[in-house]
Amino acid sequence: MQRNYKKALAHRIFDYVSEASEHLNLESYVIGGFVRDFLLQRKKVAKDIDIVTVGSGIELAQKVAKLLPNKPKVQVFKTYGTAMLRFEDIEVEFVGARRESYTKDSRNPEVEAGTLEEDQNRRDFTINALAISLSRSTYGNILDPFNGSKDLEKGIIKTPLDPDITYSDDPLRMMRAIRFATQLDFTIEQNSLDAITKNAARIDIITKERIVEELHKILLADKPSKGFILLEKTGLLKRFLPELIALKGIDEVQGQKHKDNFYHTLEVVDNISEKTDNLWLRWSALLHDIGKAPTKRFDKKNGWTFHAHEFVGSKMVYKLFKRLKMPLNDKMKYVQKLVLLSSRPVILAEEVTDSAIRRLIFDAGDDIEDLMTHCEADITTKNAKKFKQYHNNFKLVRQKIKEVEERDRVRNFQPPISGELIMKTFDLKPCREIGILKEAVKEAILEGEIKNDYDEAYQYMLVQAEKLGLTKAN
């Protein structure tokens, strides 16, 4: 018996596509993610819809646009034989049914017009090959040639055809398989998983931008660790994030071990994910310990050490972002800052002094709250007593931050004494003494020797200038 899903087609756009298809005598279907998410009853409403037609997708899009009340502009991509338009709150992409053939050094296929069956064959996964008819006579009927609906019920990711060919043809599908498994909490079918491992090196032909796009989606999942464990297991992760692979494993010398910093990192990322959907804070959590691999040393007296790993890690962030063609702007600087400061609140928790808190607030600026969130997520001990103690310590740090900030106003502060004022006061041209005096005033405020106040800072400047042999100009 043919299952009918007319209730999936509640959005007005489907009526217009159906009408346009009848005018042009075309068979048309909604296919892919929209159908998958409807069957999964996902709460998140799809903002993009894929329409496939047995004929010209561009011609269908143009006909739909003429029928729509707002007559939207149609974007045409002739190279790919696709077209796109916006209607109300959604993007609709139209494509003609096609078959594809690939060359070894590219994921961009040679495309020819094809049947609906051939189009479904080329889809990445069975759960994305589901289609619902928009033709008047079969409106709402589902076409499921690979039992994708059963795979949805079982929570399985598998390819319609031979996974070895599917992944070799378009290696980005390996990343997508892991991304869907992470987002939907599905299992990748064993043959498919084996094929990803076999074809892992093929990911090298994919642009860094596309890889990062999938990494973003994995990081934004409810439990990103699932995706990163699969990326590591299949050999994909080492192709683009070797810094994480370097954290894997436990060394032992003279009976002393350190924790596995790879799995610790994934725990921190999961903890962060429970607290915030801030993508760049999640990246900070993912990279916060990358400096531990190059700084790892065994000391007979102190055991395993990772001295200055935060500083080294923050420097590595730039190289990593540049290699992956990620933004080298304020987003990268934010990640660098949080990696650099990631241990500061931990050290502070042992002895909370006003001076140390002032410096932390000054260095972290508006990111102080994110830094504290990260540090709390960084507590992965399984010892219940220690877990509670660490969290209580961070509560004290948070309270102290609030008190000091209200009193001293040092967040993002600019020292009240400028270089121009120093030059004018002592009739100086640019010289090292100006920097010495500015730094002295800043340090005095952060140490609590003087208030963050112009008059106190000015008097302090005069005293320090006298020590340097400077006198006020008349």
Protein backbone atom coordinates (compact mmCIF):
# COMPACT_ATOMS: atom_id res chain seq x y z
CA MET A 1 0.00 0.00 0.00
CA GLN A 2 1.38 3.44 -1.00
CA ARG A 3 1.98 5.68 2.01
CA ASN A 4 0.78 9.27 1.63
CA TYR A 5 2.31 12.25 3.39
CA LYS A 6 0.16 15.21 2.31
CA LYS A 7 0.49 16.60 5.84
CA ALA A 8 4.21 17.13 5.15
CA LEU A 9 3.25 19.54 2.39
CA ALA A 10 1.52 22.13 4.56
CA HIS A 11 3.70 25.03 3.38
CA ARG A 12 2.10 27.06 0.57
CA ILE A 13 5.18 26.69 -1.65
CA PHE A 14 4.26 23.09 -2.47
CA ASP A 15 0.92 24.09 -3.98
CA TYR A 16 2.70 26.51 -6.31
CA VAL A 17 5.34 23.93 -7.31
CA SER A 18 2.58 21.40 -8.00
CA GLU A 19 0.67 23.92 -10.13
CA ALA A 20 3.79 24.93 -12.08
CA SER A 21 4.70 21.27 -12.65
CA GLU A 22 1.26 20.58 -14.11
CA HIS A 23 1.57 23.61 -16.43
CA LEU A 24 4.93 22.30 -17.70
CA ASN A 25 3.86 18.65 -17.68
CA LEU A 26 6.72 17.71 -15.34
CA GLU A 27 7.02 15.17 -12.53
CA SER A 28 8.34 16.99 -9.42
CA TYR A 29 9.26 15.88 -5.93
CA VAL A 30 10.46 17.35 -2.66
CA ILE A 31 13.52 15.33 -1.70
CA GLY A 32 16.32 15.08 0.85
CA GLY A 33 16.63 16.79 4.20
CA PHE A 34 13.11 18.24 4.32
CA VAL A 35 11.55 14.78 3.95
CA ARG A 36 14.06 13.20 6.36
CA ASP A 37 13.41 15.78 9.07
CA PHE A 38 9.64 15.56 8.64
CA LEU A 39 9.73 11.78 9.14
CA LEU A 40 11.99 12.22 12.16
CA GLN A 41 9.53 14.79 13.52
CA ARG A 42 12.42 17.13 14.27
CA LYS A 43 11.27 20.27 16.01
CA LYS A 44 13.60 22.50 14.00
CA VAL A 45 11.68 23.65 10.92
CA ALA A 46 13.66 23.37 7.68
CA LYS A 47 14.62 26.71 6.15
CA ASP A 48 15.63 25.17 2.85
CA ILE A 49 13.73 22.81 0.56
CA ASP A 50 15.10 20.79 -2.36
CA ILE A 51 12.86 20.17 -5.35
CA VAL A 52 13.86 17.66 -8.05
CA THR A 53 12.00 17.46 -11.33
CA VAL A 54 12.28 15.09 -14.28
CA GLY A 55 13.13 17.88 -16.70
CA SER A 56 14.54 21.38 -16.35
CA GLY A 57 14.85 22.59 -12.77
CA ILE A 58 15.60 26.11 -14.02
CA GLU A 59 12.44 26.23 -16.14
CA LEU A 60 10.36 24.97 -13.19
CA ALA A 61 11.83 27.59 -10.83
CA GLN A 62 11.05 30.38 -13.28
CA LYS A 63 7.46 29.16 -13.68
CA VAL A 64 6.99 28.93 -9.89
CA ALA A 65 8.35 32.49 -9.48
CA LYS A 66 5.74 33.79 -11.95
CA LEU A 67 2.94 32.14 -9.97
CA LEU A 68 4.10 33.35 -6.55
CA PRO A 69 2.45 36.54 -5.24
CA ASN A 70 5.76 38.30 -4.52
CA LYS A 71 7.33 37.34 -7.91
CA PRO A 72 10.73 36.59 -6.34
CA LYS A 73 13.98 36.82 -8.27
CA VAL A 74 15.31 33.47 -9.46
CA GLN A 75 19.03 32.83 -9.06
CA VAL A 76 20.22 30.56 -11.85
CA PHE A 77 23.35 28.41 -11.70
CA LYS A 78 23.65 27.18 -15.28
CA THR A 79 26.85 25.21 -14.63
CA TYR A 80 25.00 22.95 -12.21
CA GLY A 81 21.59 23.16 -13.87
CA THR A 82 20.05 24.49 -10.65
CA ALA A 83 18.00 27.52 -9.63
CA MET A 84 16.98 29.02 -6.31
CA LEU A 85 14.35 31.43 -5.02
CA ARG A 86 13.14 32.71 -1.66
CA PHE A 87 9.49 32.59 -0.63
CA GLU A 88 8.33 33.79 2.78
CA ASP A 89 10.76 32.24 5.27
CA ILE A 90 12.41 29.57 3.12
CA GLU A 91 14.93 29.01 0.34
CA VAL A 92 13.80 26.64 -2.41
CA GLU A 93 16.35 25.00 -4.70
CA PHE A 94 15.27 23.40 -7.98
CA VAL A 95 17.29 20.83 -9.89
CA GLY A 96 16.56 18.54 -12.80
CA ALA A 97 16.88 14.80 -12.12
CA ARG A 98 20.38 13.77 -13.14
CA ARG A 99 23.01 11.10 -13.20
CA GLU A 100 26.65 11.82 -12.38
CA SER A 101 30.12 10.53 -13.22
CA TYR A 102 33.30 11.43 -11.35
CA THR A 103 37.02 11.72 -12.01
CA LYS A 104 39.56 10.68 -9.37
CA ASP A 105 40.96 14.12 -8.59
CA SER A 106 37.70 16.04 -8.11
CA ARG A 107 34.39 15.79 -6.26
CA ASN A 108 32.71 17.88 -8.97
CA PRO A 109 30.93 15.41 -11.27
CA GLU A 110 30.10 15.39 -14.94
CA VAL A 111 26.33 15.79 -14.98
CA GLU A 112 23.71 14.52 -17.45
CA ALA A 113 19.94 14.59 -17.37
CA GLY A 114 18.55 11.42 -15.85
CA THR A 115 15.54 9.67 -14.39
CA LEU A 116 14.27 10.07 -10.84
CA GLU A 117 15.71 6.62 -10.07
CA GLU A 118 19.16 7.73 -11.28
CA ASP A 119 18.85 10.89 -9.22
CA GLN A 120 18.01 8.92 -6.09
CA ASN A 121 20.93 6.57 -6.79
CA ARG A 122 23.36 9.50 -6.69
CA ARG A 123 22.16 10.66 -3.24
CA ASP A 124 24.63 10.31 -0.38
CA PHE A 125 22.52 8.31 2.10
CA THR A 126 19.34 6.27 2.05
CA ILE A 127 17.75 8.67 4.55
CA ASN A 128 18.38 11.54 2.13
CA ALA A 129 17.03 9.71 -0.94
CA LEU A 130 13.41 9.84 0.27
CA ALA A 131 11.10 11.83 -2.01
CA ILE A 132 7.48 12.98 -1.78
CA SER A 133 5.56 13.50 -5.02
CA LEU A 134 4.23 16.99 -5.89
CA SER A 135 2.48 15.81 -9.06
CA ARG A 136 -1.30 16.26 -8.87
CA SER A 137 -2.19 12.61 -9.47
CA THR A 138 0.25 11.23 -6.86
CA TYR A 139 0.45 14.28 -4.56
CA GLY A 140 1.90 13.29 -1.16
CA ASN A 141 3.00 9.77 -2.12
CA ILE A 142 6.44 8.82 -0.84
CA LEU A 143 9.13 7.20 -3.00
CA ASP A 144 11.56 5.19 -0.90
CA PRO A 145 13.58 2.87 -3.17
CA PHE A 146 16.30 2.12 -0.57
CA ASN A 147 14.12 1.69 2.53
CA GLY A 148 15.42 4.96 3.93
CA SER A 149 12.38 5.22 6.19
CA LYS A 150 13.39 1.92 7.84
CA ASP A 151 16.93 3.24 8.31
CA LEU A 152 15.43 6.33 9.93
CA GLU A 153 13.49 4.13 12.35
CA LYS A 154 16.61 2.08 13.17
CA GLY A 155 18.90 5.12 13.36
CA ILE A 156 21.28 3.94 10.61
CA ILE A 157 23.45 5.90 8.18
CA LYS A 158 24.15 3.94 4.98
CA THR A 159 24.67 4.73 1.30
CA PRO A 160 22.15 3.77 -1.41
CA LEU A 161 24.84 2.07 -3.50
CA ASP A 162 28.33 0.65 -2.83
CA PRO A 163 29.81 2.89 -0.07
CA ASP A 164 33.32 2.45 -1.44
CA ILE A 165 32.25 4.09 -4.72
CA THR A 166 30.01 6.66 -3.01
CA TYR A 167 32.82 7.95 -0.75
CA SER A 168 35.56 7.72 -3.35
CA ASP A 169 33.45 9.70 -5.85
CA ASP A 170 32.70 12.50 -3.38
CA PRO A 171 34.88 12.25 -0.23
CA LEU A 172 32.97 15.07 1.48
CA ARG A 173 30.23 12.47 1.99
CA MET A 174 32.48 10.82 4.60
CA MET A 175 32.36 14.03 6.67
CA ARG A 176 28.61 14.28 6.09
CA ALA A 177 28.07 10.68 7.25
CA ILE A 178 29.83 11.45 10.52
CA ARG A 179 28.06 14.79 10.84
CA PHE A 180 24.61 13.19 10.42
CA ALA A 181 25.52 10.38 12.83
CA THR A 182 26.49 13.06 15.38
CA GLN A 183 23.54 15.40 14.84
CA LEU A 184 20.91 12.62 14.76
CA ASP A 185 22.70 10.29 17.21
CA PHE A 186 22.62 7.55 14.53
CA THR A 187 24.99 4.65 13.88
CA ILE A 188 27.01 4.39 10.67
CA GLU A 189 26.44 0.97 9.10
CA GLN A 190 29.60 -1.18 9.37
CA ASN A 191 30.26 -1.52 5.62
CA SER A 192 29.93 2.22 5.31
CA LEU A 193 32.23 2.84 8.26
CA ASP A 194 34.84 0.48 6.79
CA ALA A 195 34.61 2.31 3.45
CA ILE A 196 35.24 5.66 5.17
CA THR A 197 38.38 4.24 6.80
CA LYS A 198 39.52 2.81 3.46
CA ASN A 199 38.96 6.10 1.63
CA ALA A 200 40.11 8.50 4.37
CA ALA A 201 43.06 9.83 2.34
CA ARG A 202 40.61 10.93 -0.38
CA ILE A 203 39.47 13.75 1.93
CA ASP A 204 42.65 15.59 0.84
CA ILE A 205 40.98 16.64 -2.44
CA ILE A 206 38.23 18.47 -0.54
CA THR A 207 38.71 22.19 0.06
CA LYS A 208 39.51 23.22 3.61
CA GLU A 209 36.46 25.49 3.63
CA ARG A 210 34.08 22.56 3.03
CA ILE A 211 35.79 20.44 5.68
CA VAL A 212 35.52 23.27 8.21
CA GLU A 213 31.85 23.75 7.34
CA GLU A 214 31.21 20.13 8.38
CA LEU A 215 33.41 20.52 11.49
CA HIS A 216 31.30 23.51 12.53
CA LYS A 217 28.14 21.41 12.26
CA ILE A 218 29.70 18.58 14.27
CA LEU A 219 30.84 21.04 16.95
CA LEU A 220 27.34 22.53 17.13
CA ALA A 221 25.71 19.13 17.73
CA ASP A 222 24.38 18.24 21.19
CA LYS A 223 27.27 15.83 21.78
CA PRO A 224 30.21 16.70 19.50
CA SER A 225 32.47 14.02 21.00
CA LYS A 226 30.61 11.34 19.04
CA GLY A 227 31.67 12.95 15.77
CA PHE A 228 35.29 13.50 16.78
CA ILE A 229 35.65 9.92 18.00
CA LEU A 230 34.36 8.73 14.61
CA LEU A 231 36.70 11.14 12.79
CA GLU A 232 39.63 9.74 14.78
CA LYS A 233 38.56 6.11 14.41
CA THR A 234 38.24 6.33 10.62
CA GLY A 235 41.57 8.14 10.13
CA LEU A 236 39.97 11.37 8.88
CA LEU A 237 40.92 13.56 11.83
CA LYS A 238 44.67 13.20 11.35
CA ARG A 239 44.29 14.50 7.78
CA PHE A 240 43.22 17.98 8.92
CA LEU A 241 43.57 18.24 12.73
CA PRO A 242 46.79 16.38 13.64
CA GLU A 243 47.14 18.65 16.69
CA LEU A 244 44.27 16.75 18.32
CA ILE A 245 45.63 13.33 17.39
CA ALA A 246 48.93 14.30 19.07
CA LEU A 247 47.04 14.50 22.40
CA LYS A 248 45.94 10.87 22.19
CA GLY A 249 47.45 8.20 24.40
CA ILE A 250 48.86 7.82 27.91
CA ASP A 251 52.58 7.65 28.65
CA GLU A 252 54.00 6.03 31.77
CA VAL A 253 57.44 6.58 33.32
CA GLN A 254 58.46 5.23 36.72
CA GLY A 255 54.87 4.27 37.42
CA GLN A 256 53.59 7.81 36.78
CA LYS A 257 50.95 8.43 34.09
CA HIS A 258 49.19 11.46 32.69
CA LYS A 259 45.58 11.54 31.50
CA ASP A 260 44.64 10.99 27.86
CA ASN A 261 44.31 14.62 26.79
CA PHE A 262 42.42 13.73 23.60
CA TYR A 263 39.48 12.16 25.41
CA HIS A 264 39.70 14.79 28.16
CA THR A 265 39.35 17.47 25.45
CA LEU A 266 36.24 15.80 24.04
CA GLU A 267 34.69 15.69 27.52
CA VAL A 268 35.32 19.43 27.87
CA VAL A 269 33.71 20.09 24.47
CA ASP A 270 30.63 18.08 25.50
CA ASN A 271 30.46 19.95 28.82
CA ILE A 272 30.64 23.29 27.00
CA SER A 273 27.94 22.14 24.59
CA GLU A 274 25.54 21.64 27.50
CA LYS A 275 26.07 25.26 28.52
CA THR A 276 26.20 27.26 25.28
CA ASP A 277 25.78 27.11 21.50
CA ASN A 278 28.62 29.62 21.01
CA LEU A 279 30.56 28.02 18.13
CA TRP A 280 33.84 29.82 18.88
CA LEU A 281 33.70 28.96 22.57
CA ARG A 282 33.31 25.33 21.48
CA TRP A 283 36.37 25.75 19.23
CA SER A 284 38.24 27.16 22.23
CA ALA A 285 37.33 24.06 24.23
CA LEU A 286 38.44 21.80 21.35
CA LEU A 287 41.83 23.51 21.10
CA HIS A 288 42.50 24.51 24.73
CA ASP A 289 45.05 21.73 25.34
CA ILE A 290 46.76 21.46 21.93
CA GLY A 291 49.91 22.98 23.45
CA LYS A 292 50.28 19.97 25.76
CA ALA A 293 51.72 17.63 23.12
CA PRO A 294 54.75 19.80 22.25
CA THR A 295 55.37 20.82 25.89
CA LYS A 296 55.03 17.37 27.51
CA ARG A 297 58.05 16.50 29.68
CA PHE A 298 58.78 14.00 32.44
CA ASP A 299 60.50 15.38 35.51
CA LYS A 300 61.82 12.90 38.10
CA LYS A 301 60.74 15.19 40.93
CA ASN A 302 57.40 16.52 39.63
CA GLY A 303 56.29 13.82 37.21
CA TRP A 304 54.62 14.82 33.92
CA THR A 305 54.65 18.56 33.17
CA PHE A 306 53.21 20.74 30.41
CA HIS A 307 54.87 24.07 31.19
CA ALA A 308 53.56 27.06 29.20
CA HIS A 309 51.22 24.83 27.18
CA GLU A 310 48.60 27.61 27.17
CA PHE A 311 51.04 30.07 25.56
CA VAL A 312 52.28 27.50 23.04
CA GLY A 313 48.69 26.43 22.29
CA SER A 314 47.56 30.02 21.64
CA LYS A 315 50.38 30.39 19.09
CA MET A 316 49.34 27.10 17.46
CA VAL A 317 45.77 28.40 17.03
CA TYR A 318 46.92 30.94 14.43
CA LYS A 319 48.78 28.32 12.37
CA LEU A 320 45.83 25.92 12.60
CA PHE A 321 43.28 28.57 11.54
CA LYS A 322 45.50 29.67 8.67
CA ARG A 323 46.02 26.10 7.44
CA LEU A 324 42.28 25.38 7.52
CA LYS A 325 41.50 28.74 5.88
CA MET A 326 39.42 29.78 8.86
CA PRO A 327 38.90 33.48 9.70
CA LEU A 328 42.04 35.20 10.97
CA ASN A 329 40.01 38.02 12.52
CA ASP A 330 38.42 38.67 15.91
CA LYS A 331 37.06 35.09 16.01
CA MET A 332 40.57 33.64 15.88
CA LYS A 333 41.80 36.21 18.44
CA TYR A 334 38.94 35.22 20.74
CA VAL A 335 39.94 31.53 20.53
CA GLN A 336 43.60 32.45 21.06
CA LYS A 337 42.73 34.50 24.12
CA LEU A 338 40.66 31.77 25.76
CA VAL A 339 43.35 29.15 25.07
CA LEU A 340 46.01 31.46 26.54
CA LEU A 341 43.96 32.23 29.66
CA SER A 342 42.41 28.76 30.07
CA SER A 343 44.38 27.88 33.22
CA ARG A 344 44.39 31.28 34.92
CA PRO A 345 41.12 30.89 36.86
CA VAL A 346 42.24 27.39 37.92
CA ILE A 347 45.37 28.82 39.51
CA LEU A 348 43.37 31.71 40.97
CA ALA A 349 40.94 29.33 42.64
CA GLU A 350 43.71 28.19 44.98
CA GLU A 351 44.41 31.71 46.29
CA VAL A 352 41.92 34.40 45.30
CA THR A 353 43.66 37.80 45.62
CA ASP A 354 42.31 41.16 44.48
CA SER A 355 45.44 41.80 42.43
CA ALA A 356 45.19 38.51 40.53
CA ILE A 357 41.46 39.05 39.92
CA ARG A 358 42.09 42.57 38.58
CA ARG A 359 44.68 41.19 36.14
CA LEU A 360 42.33 38.43 35.02
CA ILE A 361 39.49 40.89 34.40
CA PHE A 362 41.85 43.24 32.54
CA ASP A 363 43.27 40.45 30.34
CA ALA A 364 39.95 38.70 29.63
CA GLY A 365 37.88 41.85 29.13
CA ASP A 366 34.35 41.16 27.89
CA ASP A 367 35.20 37.47 27.51
CA ILE A 368 35.58 36.87 31.26
CA GLU A 369 32.20 35.10 31.49
CA ASP A 370 33.05 32.77 28.59
CA LEU A 371 36.43 32.04 30.18
CA MET A 372 34.79 31.04 33.46
CA THR A 373 32.27 28.87 31.59
CA HIS A 374 35.16 27.15 29.84
CA CYS A 375 37.04 26.55 33.09
CA GLU A 376 34.00 24.99 34.73
CA ALA A 377 33.58 22.71 31.68
CA ASP A 378 37.26 21.78 32.04
CA ILE A 379 36.50 19.95 35.31
CA THR A 380 36.32 16.32 34.20
CA THR A 381 37.47 14.54 37.36
CA LYS A 382 35.41 11.47 38.29
CA ASN A 383 36.15 12.05 41.99
CA ALA A 384 32.87 13.48 43.34
CA LYS A 385 34.55 15.23 46.26
CA LYS A 386 37.12 16.97 44.04
CA PHE A 387 34.45 17.81 41.45
CA LYS A 388 32.38 19.60 44.07
CA GLN A 389 35.43 21.33 45.55
CA TYR A 390 36.59 22.68 42.18
CA HIS A 391 33.13 24.04 41.38
CA ASN A 392 32.89 25.68 44.79
CA ASN A 393 36.28 27.30 44.21
CA PHE A 394 35.08 28.72 40.90
CA LYS A 395 31.99 30.12 42.64
CA LEU A 396 34.36 32.06 44.91
CA VAL A 397 36.32 33.30 41.89
CA ARG A 398 33.09 34.42 40.18
CA GLN A 399 31.98 36.26 43.32
CA LYS A 400 35.37 37.95 43.65
CA ILE A 401 35.28 39.00 39.98
CA LYS A 402 31.91 40.65 40.59
CA GLU A 403 33.13 42.49 43.70
CA VAL A 404 36.40 43.71 42.17
CA GLU A 405 34.74 44.75 38.91
CA GLU A 406 32.09 46.79 40.72
CA ARG A 407 34.72 48.48 42.87
CA ASP A 408 37.69 48.97 40.52
CA ARG A 409 36.13 49.08 37.03
CA VAL A 410 39.15 47.47 35.33
CA ARG A 411 37.36 45.56 32.57
CA ASN A 412 38.66 46.90 29.24
CA PHE A 413 40.00 49.95 31.06
CA GLN A 414 42.46 52.31 29.42
CA PRO A 415 44.96 53.69 31.97
CA PRO A 416 43.95 57.30 32.72
CA ILE A 417 47.44 58.53 31.78
CA SER A 418 48.06 58.61 28.03
CA GLY A 419 51.33 58.83 26.14
CA GLU A 420 50.33 62.27 24.83
CA LEU A 421 49.82 63.56 28.38
CA ILE A 422 53.24 62.25 29.46
CA MET A 423 54.92 63.91 26.45
CA LYS A 424 53.19 67.23 27.16
CA THR A 425 53.84 67.13 30.93
CA PHE A 426 57.59 66.51 30.59
CA ASP A 427 58.13 68.07 27.15
CA LEU A 428 59.26 64.78 25.66
CA LYS A 429 59.56 63.48 22.11
CA PRO A 430 58.78 59.77 21.56
CA CYS A 431 61.11 57.74 23.82
CA ARG A 432 61.25 54.61 26.02
CA GLU A 433 60.47 56.60 29.21
CA ILE A 434 56.91 57.20 27.97
CA GLY A 435 56.28 53.45 27.77
CA ILE A 436 57.89 52.90 31.18
CA LEU A 437 55.60 55.46 32.84
CA LYS A 438 52.43 54.16 31.13
CA GLU A 439 53.26 50.60 32.19
CA ALA A 440 54.05 51.74 35.76
CA VAL A 441 50.65 53.45 36.09
CA LYS A 442 48.82 50.42 34.67
CA GLU A 443 50.66 48.03 37.00
CA ALA A 444 49.97 50.22 40.03
CA ILE A 445 46.23 50.16 39.27
CA LEU A 446 46.18 46.40 38.72
CA GLU A 447 48.19 45.81 41.92
CA GLY A 448 45.80 48.03 43.88
CA GLU A 449 48.47 50.55 44.84
CA ILE A 450 46.33 53.34 43.40
CA LYS A 451 42.72 53.60 42.27
CA ASN A 452 41.66 53.64 38.64
CA ASP A 453 41.36 57.40 38.94
CA TYR A 454 42.93 60.29 36.99
CA ASP A 455 44.14 62.35 39.98
CA GLU A 456 45.77 59.41 41.77
CA ALA A 457 47.30 58.18 38.52
CA TYR A 458 48.67 61.65 37.72
CA GLN A 459 50.35 62.01 41.12
CA TYR A 460 51.78 58.50 40.80
CA MET A 461 53.15 59.38 37.37
CA LEU A 462 54.97 62.41 38.80
CA VAL A 463 56.63 60.28 41.50
CA GLN A 464 57.74 57.63 38.99
CA ALA A 465 58.96 60.31 36.55
CA GLU A 466 61.15 61.81 39.24
CA LYS A 467 62.82 58.40 39.71
CA LEU A 468 63.65 58.46 36.01
CA GLY A 469 65.16 61.96 36.31
CA LEU A 470 62.28 63.67 34.49
CA THR A 471 60.97 67.08 35.53
CA LYS A 472 57.74 68.86 34.62
CA ALA A 473 57.87 71.33 31.78
CA ASN A 474 57.05 74.93 32.69
